[in-house]
């Protein structure tokens, strides 16, 4: 691990990038406080971190992917007009059925 100040990093960026390419982690400081780090990517296979995490979750069984060509779920159809008395009556009937 190499620590470097912002000004020195700006002045010698190519040198520090060579360190990173060789596997070093470069810690960047400003007024003796760490503000960033430069490292090589964990995977260089073109997949994003999100995609990597998603695939890990699939492998663990935490997520099930759907087919991309699947149509979206249909929107529910509602009656144009429902009066509250009809709804209350249906609820009462359901409650009576449940109680018996």
PDB file of N, CA and C in Angstrom:
ATOM      1  N   UNK A   1       0.849  -1.168   0.000  1.00  0.00           N
ATOM      2  CA  UNK A   1       0.000   0.000   0.000  1.00  0.00           C
ATOM      3  C   UNK A   1       0.894   1.230   0.000  1.00  0.00           C
ATOM      4  N   UNK A   2       0.535   2.192  -0.839  1.00  0.00           N
ATOM      5  CA  UNK A   2       1.303   3.426  -0.970  1.00  0.00           C
ATOM      6  C   UNK A   2       0.379   4.592  -0.638  1.00  0.00           C
ATOM      7  N   UNK A   3       0.869   5.533   0.143  1.00  0.00           N
ATOM      8  CA  UNK A   3       0.108   6.726   0.486  1.00  0.00           C
ATOM      9  C   UNK A   3       0.719   7.926  -0.217  1.00  0.00           C
ATOM     10  N   UNK A   4      -0.159   8.764  -0.792  1.00  0.00           N
ATOM     11  CA  UNK A   4       0.336   9.914  -1.531  1.00  0.00           C
ATOM     12  C   UNK A   4      -0.625  11.087  -1.341  1.00  0.00           C
ATOM     13  N   UNK A   5      -0.066  12.294  -1.286  1.00  0.00           N
ATOM     14  CA  UNK A   5      -0.883  13.498  -1.211  1.00  0.00           C
ATOM     15  C   UNK A   5      -1.420  13.870  -2.577  1.00  0.00           C
ATOM     16  N   UNK A   6      -2.466  14.675  -2.593  1.00  0.00           N
ATOM     17  CA  UNK A   6      -3.118  15.053  -3.845  1.00  0.00           C
ATOM     18  C   UNK A   6      -2.145  15.734  -4.803  1.00  0.00           C
ATOM     19  N   UNK A   7      -1.370  16.693  -4.309  1.00  0.00           N
ATOM     20  CA  UNK A   7      -0.452  17.426  -5.195  1.00  0.00           C
ATOM     21  C   UNK A   7       0.581  16.498  -5.811  1.00  0.00           C
ATOM     22  N   UNK A   8       1.172  15.617  -4.998  1.00  0.00           N
ATOM     23  CA  UNK A   8       2.171  14.680  -5.502  1.00  0.00           C
ATOM     24  C   UNK A   8       1.537  13.710  -6.507  1.00  0.00           C
ATOM     25  N   UNK A   9       0.289  13.293  -6.238  1.00  0.00           N
ATOM     26  CA  UNK A   9      -0.403  12.406  -7.172  1.00  0.00           C
ATOM     27  C   UNK A   9      -0.598  13.100  -8.517  1.00  0.00           C
ATOM     28  N   UNK A  10      -1.028  14.373  -8.490  1.00  0.00           N
ATOM     29  CA  UNK A  10      -1.212  15.116  -9.734  1.00  0.00           C
ATOM     30  C   UNK A  10       0.098  15.233 -10.500  1.00  0.00           C
ATOM     31  N   UNK A  11       1.175  15.500  -9.769  1.00  0.00           N
ATOM     32  CA  UNK A  11       2.472  15.705 -10.420  1.00  0.00           C
ATOM     33  C   UNK A  11       3.065  14.420 -10.992  1.00  0.00           C
ATOM     34  N   UNK A  12       2.711  13.272 -10.404  1.00  0.00           N
ATOM     35  CA  UNK A  12       3.317  11.992 -10.813  1.00  0.00           C
ATOM     36  C   UNK A  12       2.258  10.909 -11.047  1.00  0.00           C
ATOM     37  N   UNK A  13       1.146  11.288 -11.648  1.00  0.00           N
ATOM     38  CA  UNK A  13       0.026  10.358 -11.824  1.00  0.00           C
ATOM     39  C   UNK A  13       0.433   9.090 -12.557  1.00  0.00           C
ATOM     40  N   UNK A  14       1.186   9.202 -13.632  1.00  0.00           N
ATOM     41  CA  UNK A  14       1.586   8.017 -14.411  1.00  0.00           C
ATOM     42  C   UNK A  14       2.341   7.019 -13.549  1.00  0.00           C
ATOM     43  N   UNK A  15       3.224   7.512 -12.707  1.00  0.00           N
ATOM     44  CA  UNK A  15       4.015   6.637 -11.832  1.00  0.00           C
ATOM     45  C   UNK A  15       3.091   5.869 -10.879  1.00  0.00           C
ATOM     46  N   UNK A  16       2.110   6.561 -10.268  1.00  0.00           N
ATOM     47  CA  UNK A  16       1.218   5.900  -9.315  1.00  0.00           C
ATOM     48  C   UNK A  16       0.272   4.924 -10.012  1.00  0.00           C
ATOM     49  N   UNK A  17      -0.113   5.234 -11.247  1.00  0.00           N
ATOM     50  CA  UNK A  17      -0.941   4.300 -11.992  1.00  0.00           C
ATOM     51  C   UNK A  17      -0.164   3.030 -12.328  1.00  0.00           C
ATOM     52  N   UNK A  18       1.128   3.144 -12.557  1.00  0.00           N
ATOM     53  CA  UNK A  18       1.956   1.953 -12.776  1.00  0.00           C
ATOM     54  C   UNK A  18       1.964   1.085 -11.519  1.00  0.00           C
ATOM     55  N   UNK A  19       2.050   1.732 -10.345  1.00  0.00           N
ATOM     56  CA  UNK A  19       1.988   0.971  -9.091  1.00  0.00           C
ATOM     57  C   UNK A  19       0.672   0.198  -9.001  1.00  0.00           C
ATOM     58  N   UNK A  20      -0.420   0.871  -9.356  1.00  0.00           N
ATOM     59  CA  UNK A  20      -1.734   0.222  -9.286  1.00  0.00           C
ATOM     60  C   UNK A  20      -1.800  -0.946 -10.257  1.00  0.00           C
ATOM     61  N   UNK A  21      -1.293  -0.766 -11.472  1.00  0.00           N
ATOM     62  CA  UNK A  21      -1.292  -1.847 -12.452  1.00  0.00           C
ATOM     63  C   UNK A  21      -0.508  -3.056 -11.953  1.00  0.00           C
ATOM     64  N   UNK A  22       0.475  -2.808 -11.118  1.00  0.00           N
ATOM     65  CA  UNK A  22       1.281  -3.900 -10.559  1.00  0.00           C
ATOM     66  C   UNK A  22       0.685  -4.458  -9.269  1.00  0.00           C
ATOM     67  N   UNK A  23      -0.543  -4.075  -8.938  1.00  0.00           N
ATOM     68  CA  UNK A  23      -1.232  -4.664  -7.801  1.00  0.00           C
ATOM     69  C   UNK A  23      -1.186  -3.870  -6.510  1.00  0.00           C
ATOM     70  N   UNK A  24      -0.526  -2.726  -6.511  1.00  0.00           N
ATOM     71  CA  UNK A  24      -0.456  -1.900  -5.302  1.00  0.00           C
ATOM     72  C   UNK A  24      -1.751  -1.123  -5.117  1.00  0.00           C
ATOM     73  N   UNK A  25      -2.105  -0.857  -3.890  1.00  0.00           N
ATOM     74  CA  UNK A  25      -3.220   0.029  -3.574  1.00  0.00           C
ATOM     75  C   UNK A  25      -2.614   1.382  -3.242  1.00  0.00           C
ATOM     76  N   UNK A  26      -3.140   2.438  -3.872  1.00  0.00           N
ATOM     77  CA  UNK A  26      -2.643   3.785  -3.622  1.00  0.00           C
ATOM     78  C   UNK A  26      -3.705   4.534  -2.818  1.00  0.00           C
ATOM     79  N   UNK A  27      -3.301   4.975  -1.622  1.00  0.00           N
ATOM     80  CA  UNK A  27      -4.181   5.743  -0.755  1.00  0.00           C
ATOM     81  C   UNK A  27      -3.889   7.223  -0.976  1.00  0.00           C
ATOM     82  N   UNK A  28      -4.926   8.011  -1.230  1.00  0.00           N
ATOM     83  CA  UNK A  28      -4.756   9.437  -1.506  1.00  0.00           C
ATOM     84  C   UNK A  28      -5.178  10.223  -0.270  1.00  0.00           C
ATOM     85  N   UNK A  29      -4.301  11.150   0.133  1.00  0.00           N
ATOM     86  CA  UNK A  29      -4.595  11.961   1.317  1.00  0.00           C
ATOM     87  C   UNK A  29      -4.639  13.436   0.957  1.00  0.00           C
ATOM     88  N   UNK A  30      -5.378  14.169   1.780  1.00  0.00           N
ATOM     89  CA  UNK A  30      -5.435  15.619   1.668  1.00  0.00           C
ATOM     90  C   UNK A  30      -5.372  16.155   3.091  1.00  0.00           C
ATOM     91  N   UNK A  31      -4.366  16.948   3.374  1.00  0.00           N
ATOM     92  CA  UNK A  31      -4.131  17.456   4.739  1.00  0.00           C
ATOM     93  C   UNK A  31      -4.081  16.308   5.753  1.00  0.00           C
ATOM     94  N   UNK A  32      -3.362  15.244   5.370  1.00  0.00           N
ATOM     95  CA  UNK A  32      -3.143  14.057   6.203  1.00  0.00           C
ATOM     96  C   UNK A  32      -4.414  13.276   6.523  1.00  0.00           C
ATOM     97  N   UNK A  33      -5.475  13.469   5.750  1.00  0.00           N
ATOM     98  CA  UNK A  33      -6.703  12.691   5.905  1.00  0.00           C
ATOM     99  C   UNK A  33      -6.920  11.889   4.634  1.00  0.00           C
ATOM    100  N   UNK A  34      -7.277  10.623   4.775  1.00  0.00           N
ATOM    101  CA  UNK A  34      -7.531   9.778   3.612  1.00  0.00           C
ATOM    102  C   UNK A  34      -8.822  10.233   2.935  1.00  0.00           C
ATOM    103  N   UNK A  35      -8.726  10.463   1.630  1.00  0.00           N
ATOM    104  CA  UNK A  35      -9.919  10.895   0.891  1.00  0.00           C
ATOM    105  C   UNK A  35     -10.313   9.913  -0.209  1.00  0.00           C
ATOM    106  N   UNK A  36      -9.402   9.038  -0.622  1.00  0.00           N
ATOM    107  CA  UNK A  36      -9.724   8.098  -1.696  1.00  0.00           C
ATOM    108  C   UNK A  36      -8.662   7.018  -1.773  1.00  0.00           C
ATOM    109  N   UNK A  37      -8.954   6.006  -2.556  1.00  0.00           N
ATOM    110  CA  UNK A  37      -7.955   4.978  -2.841  1.00  0.00           C
ATOM    111  C   UNK A  37      -8.114   4.524  -4.279  1.00  0.00           C
ATOM    112  N   UNK A  38      -7.007   4.123  -4.863  1.00  0.00           N
ATOM    113  CA  UNK A  38      -7.005   3.614  -6.234  1.00  0.00           C
ATOM    114  C   UNK A  38      -6.520   2.179  -6.177  1.00  0.00           C
ATOM    115  N   UNK A  39      -7.316   1.281  -6.749  1.00  0.00           N
ATOM    116  CA  UNK A  39      -6.937  -0.132  -6.818  1.00  0.00           C
ATOM    117  C   UNK A  39      -7.351  -0.681  -8.175  1.00  0.00           C
ATOM    118  N   UNK A  40      -6.829  -1.844  -8.517  1.00  0.00           N
ATOM    119  CA  UNK A  40      -7.286  -2.500  -9.736  1.00  0.00           C
ATOM    120  C   UNK A  40      -8.683  -3.046  -9.478  1.00  0.00           C
ATOM    121  N   UNK A  41      -9.523  -3.118 -10.491  1.00  0.00           N
ATOM    122  CA  UNK A  41     -10.863  -3.690 -10.297  1.00  0.00           C
ATOM    123  C   UNK A  41     -10.753  -5.148  -9.883  1.00  0.00           C
ATOM    124  N   UNK A  42     -11.721  -5.600  -9.085  1.00  0.00           N
ATOM    125  CA  UNK A  42     -11.707  -6.997  -8.649  1.00  0.00           C
ATOM    126  C   UNK A  42     -11.843  -7.947  -9.826  1.00  0.00           C
ATOM    127  N   UNK A  43     -12.793  -7.663 -10.707  1.00  0.00           N
ATOM    128  CA  UNK A  43     -12.996  -8.503 -11.886  1.00  0.00           C
ATOM    129  C   UNK A  43     -12.936  -7.622 -13.121  1.00  0.00           C
ATOM    130  N   UNK A  44     -12.275  -8.116 -14.134  1.00  0.00           N
ATOM    131  CA  UNK A  44     -12.166  -7.349 -15.363  1.00  0.00           C
ATOM    132  C   UNK A  44     -12.857  -8.079 -16.508  1.00  0.00           C
ATOM    133  N   UNK A  45     -14.023  -8.681 -16.220  1.00  0.00           N
ATOM    134  CA  UNK A  45     -14.726  -9.443 -17.244  1.00  0.00           C
ATOM    135  C   UNK A  45     -15.849  -8.663 -17.910  1.00  0.00           C
ATOM    136  N   UNK A  46     -15.946  -7.362 -17.624  1.00  0.00           N
ATOM    137  CA  UNK A  46     -16.948  -6.536 -18.269  1.00  0.00           C
ATOM    138  C   UNK A  46     -18.279  -6.479 -17.544  1.00  0.00           C
ATOM    139  N   UNK A  47     -18.450  -7.253 -16.471  1.00  0.00           N
ATOM    140  CA  UNK A  47     -19.713  -7.179 -15.738  1.00  0.00           C
ATOM    141  C   UNK A  47     -19.603  -6.130 -14.646  1.00  0.00           C
ATOM    142  N   UNK A  48     -20.697  -5.448 -14.398  1.00  0.00           N
ATOM    143  CA  UNK A  48     -20.698  -4.405 -13.379  1.00  0.00           C
ATOM    144  C   UNK A  48     -20.770  -5.025 -11.988  1.00  0.00           C
ATOM    145  N   UNK A  49     -20.497  -4.217 -10.986  1.00  0.00           N
ATOM    146  CA  UNK A  49     -20.583  -4.672  -9.607  1.00  0.00           C
ATOM    147  C   UNK A  49     -22.005  -5.125  -9.297  1.00  0.00           C
ATOM    148  N   UNK A  50     -22.998  -4.388  -9.814  1.00  0.00           N
ATOM    149  CA  UNK A  50     -24.394  -4.769  -9.608  1.00  0.00           C
ATOM    150  C   UNK A  50     -24.662  -6.151 -10.191  1.00  0.00           C
ATOM    151  N   UNK A  51     -24.205  -6.377 -11.420  1.00  0.00           N
ATOM    152  CA  UNK A  51     -24.423  -7.672 -12.061  1.00  0.00           C
ATOM    153  C   UNK A  51     -23.725  -8.790 -11.305  1.00  0.00           C
ATOM    154  N   UNK A  52     -22.511  -8.516 -10.802  1.00  0.00           N
ATOM    155  CA  UNK A  52     -21.785  -9.516 -10.024  1.00  0.00           C
ATOM    156  C   UNK A  52     -22.558  -9.875  -8.766  1.00  0.00           C
ATOM    157  N   UNK A  53     -23.053  -8.862  -8.050  1.00  0.00           N
ATOM    158  CA  UNK A  53     -23.809  -9.102  -6.824  1.00  0.00           C
ATOM    159  C   UNK A  53     -25.107  -9.846  -7.117  1.00  0.00           C
ATOM    160  N   UNK A  54     -25.768  -9.484  -8.216  1.00  0.00           N
ATOM    161  CA  UNK A  54     -26.999 -10.159  -8.596  1.00  0.00           C
ATOM    162  C   UNK A  54     -26.743 -11.636  -8.866  1.00  0.00           C
ATOM    163  N   UNK A  55     -25.686 -11.944  -9.580  1.00  0.00           N
ATOM    164  CA  UNK A  55     -25.356 -13.336  -9.873  1.00  0.00           C
ATOM    165  C   UNK A  55     -25.011 -14.107  -8.596  1.00  0.00           C
ATOM    166  N   UNK A  56     -24.336 -13.470  -7.648  1.00  0.00           N
ATOM    167  CA  UNK A  56     -24.045 -14.109  -6.362  1.00  0.00           C
ATOM    168  C   UNK A  56     -25.345 -14.449  -5.636  1.00  0.00           C
ATOM    169  N   UNK A  57     -26.310 -13.530  -5.682  1.00  0.00           N
ATOM    170  CA  UNK A  57     -27.589 -13.750  -5.014  1.00  0.00           C
ATOM    171  C   UNK A  57     -28.368 -14.882  -5.694  1.00  0.00           C
ATOM    172  N   UNK A  58     -28.277 -14.976  -7.020  1.00  0.00           N
ATOM    173  CA  UNK A  58     -28.927 -16.061  -7.748  1.00  0.00           C
ATOM    174  C   UNK A  58     -28.320 -17.396  -7.338  1.00  0.00           C
ATOM    175  N   UNK A  59     -26.987 -17.451  -7.282  1.00  0.00           N
ATOM    176  CA  UNK A  59     -26.304 -18.691  -6.912  1.00  0.00           C
ATOM    177  C   UNK A  59     -26.664 -19.150  -5.497  1.00  0.00           C
ATOM    178  N   UNK A  60     -26.897 -18.201  -4.596  1.00  0.00           N
ATOM    179  CA  UNK A  60     -27.275 -18.535  -3.218  1.00  0.00           C
ATOM    180  C   UNK A  60     -28.758 -18.853  -3.087  1.00  0.00           C
ATOM    181  N   UNK A  61     -29.526 -18.629  -4.152  1.00  0.00           N
ATOM    182  CA  UNK A  61     -30.953 -18.870  -4.099  1.00  0.00           C
ATOM    183  C   UNK A  61     -31.739 -17.734  -3.470  1.00  0.00           C
ATOM    184  N   UNK A  62     -31.110 -16.577  -3.308  1.00  0.00           N
ATOM    185  CA  UNK A  62     -31.780 -15.425  -2.708  1.00  0.00           C
ATOM    186  C   UNK A  62     -32.657 -14.687  -3.712  1.00  0.00           C
ATOM    187  N   UNK A  63     -32.379 -14.886  -5.006  1.00  0.00           N
ATOM    188  CA  UNK A  63     -33.105 -14.189  -6.070  1.00  0.00           C
ATOM    189  C   UNK A  63     -33.371 -15.187  -7.183  1.00  0.00           C
ATOM    190  N   UNK A  64     -34.542 -15.080  -7.791  1.00  0.00           N
ATOM    191  CA  UNK A  64     -34.864 -15.881  -8.971  1.00  0.00           C
ATOM    192  C   UNK A  64     -35.090 -14.913 -10.121  1.00  0.00           C
ATOM    193  N   UNK A  65     -34.317 -15.068 -11.169  1.00  0.00           N
ATOM    194  CA  UNK A  65     -34.453 -14.193 -12.326  1.00  0.00           C
ATOM    195  C   UNK A  65     -35.600 -14.666 -13.203  1.00  0.00           C
ATOM    196  N   UNK A  66     -36.321 -13.715 -13.771  1.00  0.00           N
ATOM    197  CA  UNK A  66     -37.378 -14.051 -14.719  1.00  0.00           C
ATOM    198  C   UNK A  66     -36.817 -13.973 -16.122  1.00  0.00           C
ATOM    199  N   UNK A  67     -37.537 -14.540 -17.046  1.00  0.00           N
ATOM    200  CA  UNK A  67     -37.123 -14.449 -18.439  1.00  0.00           C
ATOM    201  C   UNK A  67     -37.312 -13.012 -18.911  1.00  0.00           C
ATOM    202  N   UNK A  68     -36.368 -12.522 -19.672  1.00  0.00           N
ATOM    203  CA  UNK A  68     -36.455 -11.133 -20.139  1.00  0.00           C
ATOM    204  C   UNK A  68     -37.535 -10.955 -21.191  1.00  0.00           C
ATOM    205  N   UNK A  69     -37.948 -12.051 -21.854  1.00  0.00           N
ATOM    206  CA  UNK A  69     -38.973 -11.913 -22.876  1.00  0.00           C
ATOM    207  C   UNK A  69     -40.379 -12.144 -22.321  1.00  0.00           C
ATOM    208  N   UNK A  70     -40.487 -12.324 -21.013  1.00  0.00           N
ATOM    209  CA  UNK A  70     -41.798 -12.522 -20.405  1.00  0.00           C
ATOM    210  C   UNK A  70     -42.595 -11.226 -20.460  1.00  0.00           C
ATOM    211  N   UNK A  71     -43.886 -11.318 -20.792  1.00  0.00           N
ATOM    212  CA  UNK A  71     -44.690 -10.088 -20.847  1.00  0.00           C
ATOM    213  C   UNK A  71     -44.944  -9.564 -19.434  1.00  0.00           C
ATOM    214  N   UNK A  72     -45.161  -8.269 -19.302  1.00  0.00           N
ATOM    215  CA  UNK A  72     -45.445  -7.725 -17.972  1.00  0.00           C
ATOM    216  C   UNK A  72     -46.787  -8.248 -17.468  1.00  0.00           C
ATOM    217  N   UNK A  73     -46.944  -8.270 -16.169  1.00  0.00           N
ATOM    218  CA  UNK A  73     -48.197  -8.731 -15.569  1.00  0.00           C
ATOM    219  C   UNK A  73     -49.332  -7.805 -16.004  1.00  0.00           C
ATOM    220  N   UNK A  74     -50.503  -8.384 -16.294  1.00  0.00           N
ATOM    221  CA  UNK A  74     -51.619  -7.527 -16.716  1.00  0.00           C
ATOM    222  C   UNK A  74     -52.104  -6.665 -15.564  1.00  0.00           C
ATOM    223  N   UNK A  75     -52.605  -5.499 -15.913  1.00  0.00           N
ATOM    224  CA  UNK A  75     -53.144  -4.604 -14.896  1.00  0.00           C
ATOM    225  C   UNK A  75     -54.502  -5.145 -14.447  1.00  0.00           C
ATOM    226  N   UNK A  76     -54.799  -5.044 -13.164  1.00  0.00           N
ATOM    227  CA  UNK A  76     -56.102  -5.532 -12.703  1.00  0.00           C
ATOM    228  C   UNK A  76     -57.228  -4.676 -13.279  1.00  0.00           C
ATOM    229  N   UNK A  77     -58.355  -5.326 -13.532  1.00  0.00           N
ATOM    230  CA  UNK A  77     -59.506  -4.606 -14.067  1.00  0.00           C
ATOM    231  C   UNK A  77     -60.461  -4.300 -12.921  1.00  0.00           C
ATOM    232  N   UNK A  78     -60.891  -3.083 -12.850  1.00  0.00           N
ATOM    233  CA  UNK A  78     -61.815  -2.652 -11.818  1.00  0.00           C
ATOM    234  C   UNK A  78     -63.130  -2.251 -12.469  1.00  0.00           C
ATOM    235  N   UNK A  79     -64.194  -2.476 -11.721  1.00  0.00           N
ATOM    236  CA  UNK A  79     -65.494  -2.019 -12.203  1.00  0.00           C
ATOM    237  C   UNK A  79     -65.480  -0.492 -12.262  1.00  0.00           C
ATOM    238  N   UNK A  80     -66.227   0.045 -13.186  1.00  0.00           N
ATOM    239  CA  UNK A  80     -66.230   1.502 -13.328  1.00  0.00           C
ATOM    240  C   UNK A  80     -66.797   2.193 -12.109  1.00  0.00           C
ATOM    241  N   UNK A  81     -67.848   1.599 -11.521  1.00  0.00           N
ATOM    242  CA  UNK A  81     -68.459   2.226 -10.357  1.00  0.00           C
ATOM    243  C   UNK A  81     -68.850   1.142  -9.351  1.00  0.00           C
ATOM    244  N   UNK A  82     -68.344   1.275  -8.145  1.00  0.00           N
ATOM    245  CA  UNK A  82     -68.708   0.364  -7.071  1.00  0.00           C
ATOM    246  C   UNK A  82     -69.178   1.216  -5.907  1.00  0.00           C
ATOM    247  N   UNK A  83     -70.402   0.951  -5.433  1.00  0.00           N
ATOM    248  CA  UNK A  83     -70.870   1.736  -4.303  1.00  0.00           C
ATOM    249  C   UNK A  83     -70.444   1.066  -3.002  1.00  0.00           C
ATOM    250  N   UNK A  84     -70.248   1.851  -1.978  1.00  0.00           N
ATOM    251  CA  UNK A  84     -69.733   1.345  -0.710  1.00  0.00           C
ATOM    252  C   UNK A  84     -70.710   0.395  -0.038  1.00  0.00           C
ATOM    253  N   UNK A  85     -72.006   0.524  -0.281  1.00  0.00           N
ATOM    254  CA  UNK A  85     -72.983  -0.373   0.333  1.00  0.00           C
ATOM    255  C   UNK A  85     -72.795  -1.804  -0.162  1.00  0.00           C
ATOM    256  N   UNK A  86     -72.499  -1.956  -1.450  1.00  0.00           N
ATOM    257  CA  UNK A  86     -72.257  -3.285  -2.017  1.00  0.00           C
ATOM    258  C   UNK A  86     -71.000  -3.894  -1.403  1.00  0.00           C
ATOM    259  N   UNK A  87     -69.974  -3.093  -1.269  1.00  0.00           N
ATOM    260  CA  UNK A  87     -68.727  -3.583  -0.675  1.00  0.00           C
ATOM    261  C   UNK A  87     -68.950  -3.988   0.770  1.00  0.00           C
ATOM    262  N   UNK A  88     -69.639  -3.155   1.538  1.00  0.00           N
ATOM    263  CA  UNK A  88     -69.904  -3.488   2.944  1.00  0.00           C
ATOM    264  C   UNK A  88     -70.723  -4.763   3.069  1.00  0.00           C
ATOM    265  N   UNK A  89     -71.673  -4.952   2.207  1.00  0.00           N
ATOM    266  CA  UNK A  89     -72.484  -6.171   2.239  1.00  0.00           C
ATOM    267  C   UNK A  89     -71.626  -7.403   1.944  1.00  0.00           C
ATOM    268  N   UNK A  90     -70.728  -7.295   0.962  1.00  0.00           N
ATOM    269  CA  UNK A  90     -69.832  -8.414   0.646  1.00  0.00           C
ATOM    270  C   UNK A  90     -68.915  -8.728   1.823  1.00  0.00           C
ATOM    271  N   UNK A  91     -68.415  -7.699   2.495  1.00  0.00           N
ATOM    272  CA  UNK A  91     -67.547  -7.904   3.656  1.00  0.00           C
ATOM    273  C   UNK A  91     -68.334  -8.586   4.775  1.00  0.00           C
ATOM    274  N   UNK A  92     -69.555  -8.158   5.015  1.00  0.00           N
ATOM    275  CA  UNK A  92     -70.380  -8.772   6.072  1.00  0.00           C
ATOM    276  C   UNK A  92     -70.638 -10.243   5.772  1.00  0.00           C
ATOM    277  N   UNK A  93     -70.932 -10.546   4.523  1.00  0.00           N
ATOM    278  CA  UNK A  93     -71.179 -11.942   4.142  1.00  0.00           C
ATOM    279  C   UNK A  93     -69.908 -12.761   4.349  1.00  0.00           C
ATOM    280  N   UNK A  94     -68.762 -12.215   3.953  1.00  0.00           N
ATOM    281  CA  UNK A  94     -67.500 -12.920   4.145  1.00  0.00           C
ATOM    282  C   UNK A  94     -67.222 -13.153   5.624  1.00  0.00           C
ATOM    283  N   UNK A  95     -67.503 -12.146   6.466  1.00  0.00           N
ATOM    284  CA  UNK A  95     -67.279 -12.287   7.904  1.00  0.00           C
ATOM    285  C   UNK A  95     -68.206 -13.331   8.493  1.00  0.00           C
ATOM    286  N   UNK A  96     -69.472 -13.346   8.050  1.00  0.00           N
ATOM    287  CA  UNK A  96     -70.412 -14.358   8.541  1.00  0.00           C
ATOM    288  C   UNK A  96     -69.958 -15.758   8.132  1.00  0.00           C
ATOM    289  N   UNK A  97     -69.492 -15.900   6.886  1.00  0.00           N
ATOM    290  CA  UNK A  97     -69.009 -17.202   6.427  1.00  0.00           C
ATOM    291  C   UNK A  97     -67.795 -17.652   7.236  1.00  0.00           C
ATOM    292  N   UNK A  98     -66.941 -16.714   7.547  1.00  0.00           N
ATOM    293  CA  UNK A  98     -65.726 -17.035   8.302  1.00  0.00           C
ATOM    294  C   UNK A  98     -66.059 -17.395   9.746  1.00  0.00           C
ATOM    295  N   UNK A  99     -67.049 -16.753  10.322  1.00  0.00           N
ATOM    296  CA  UNK A  99     -67.398 -16.993  11.717  1.00  0.00           C
ATOM    297  C   UNK A  99     -68.051 -18.351  11.899  1.00  0.00           C
ATOM    298  N   UNK A 100     -68.685 -18.887  10.881  1.00  0.00           N
ATOM    299  CA  UNK A 100     -69.401 -20.164  11.030  1.00  0.00           C
ATOM    300  C   UNK A 100     -68.572 -21.288  10.590  1.00  0.00           C
TER     301      UNK A 100
END
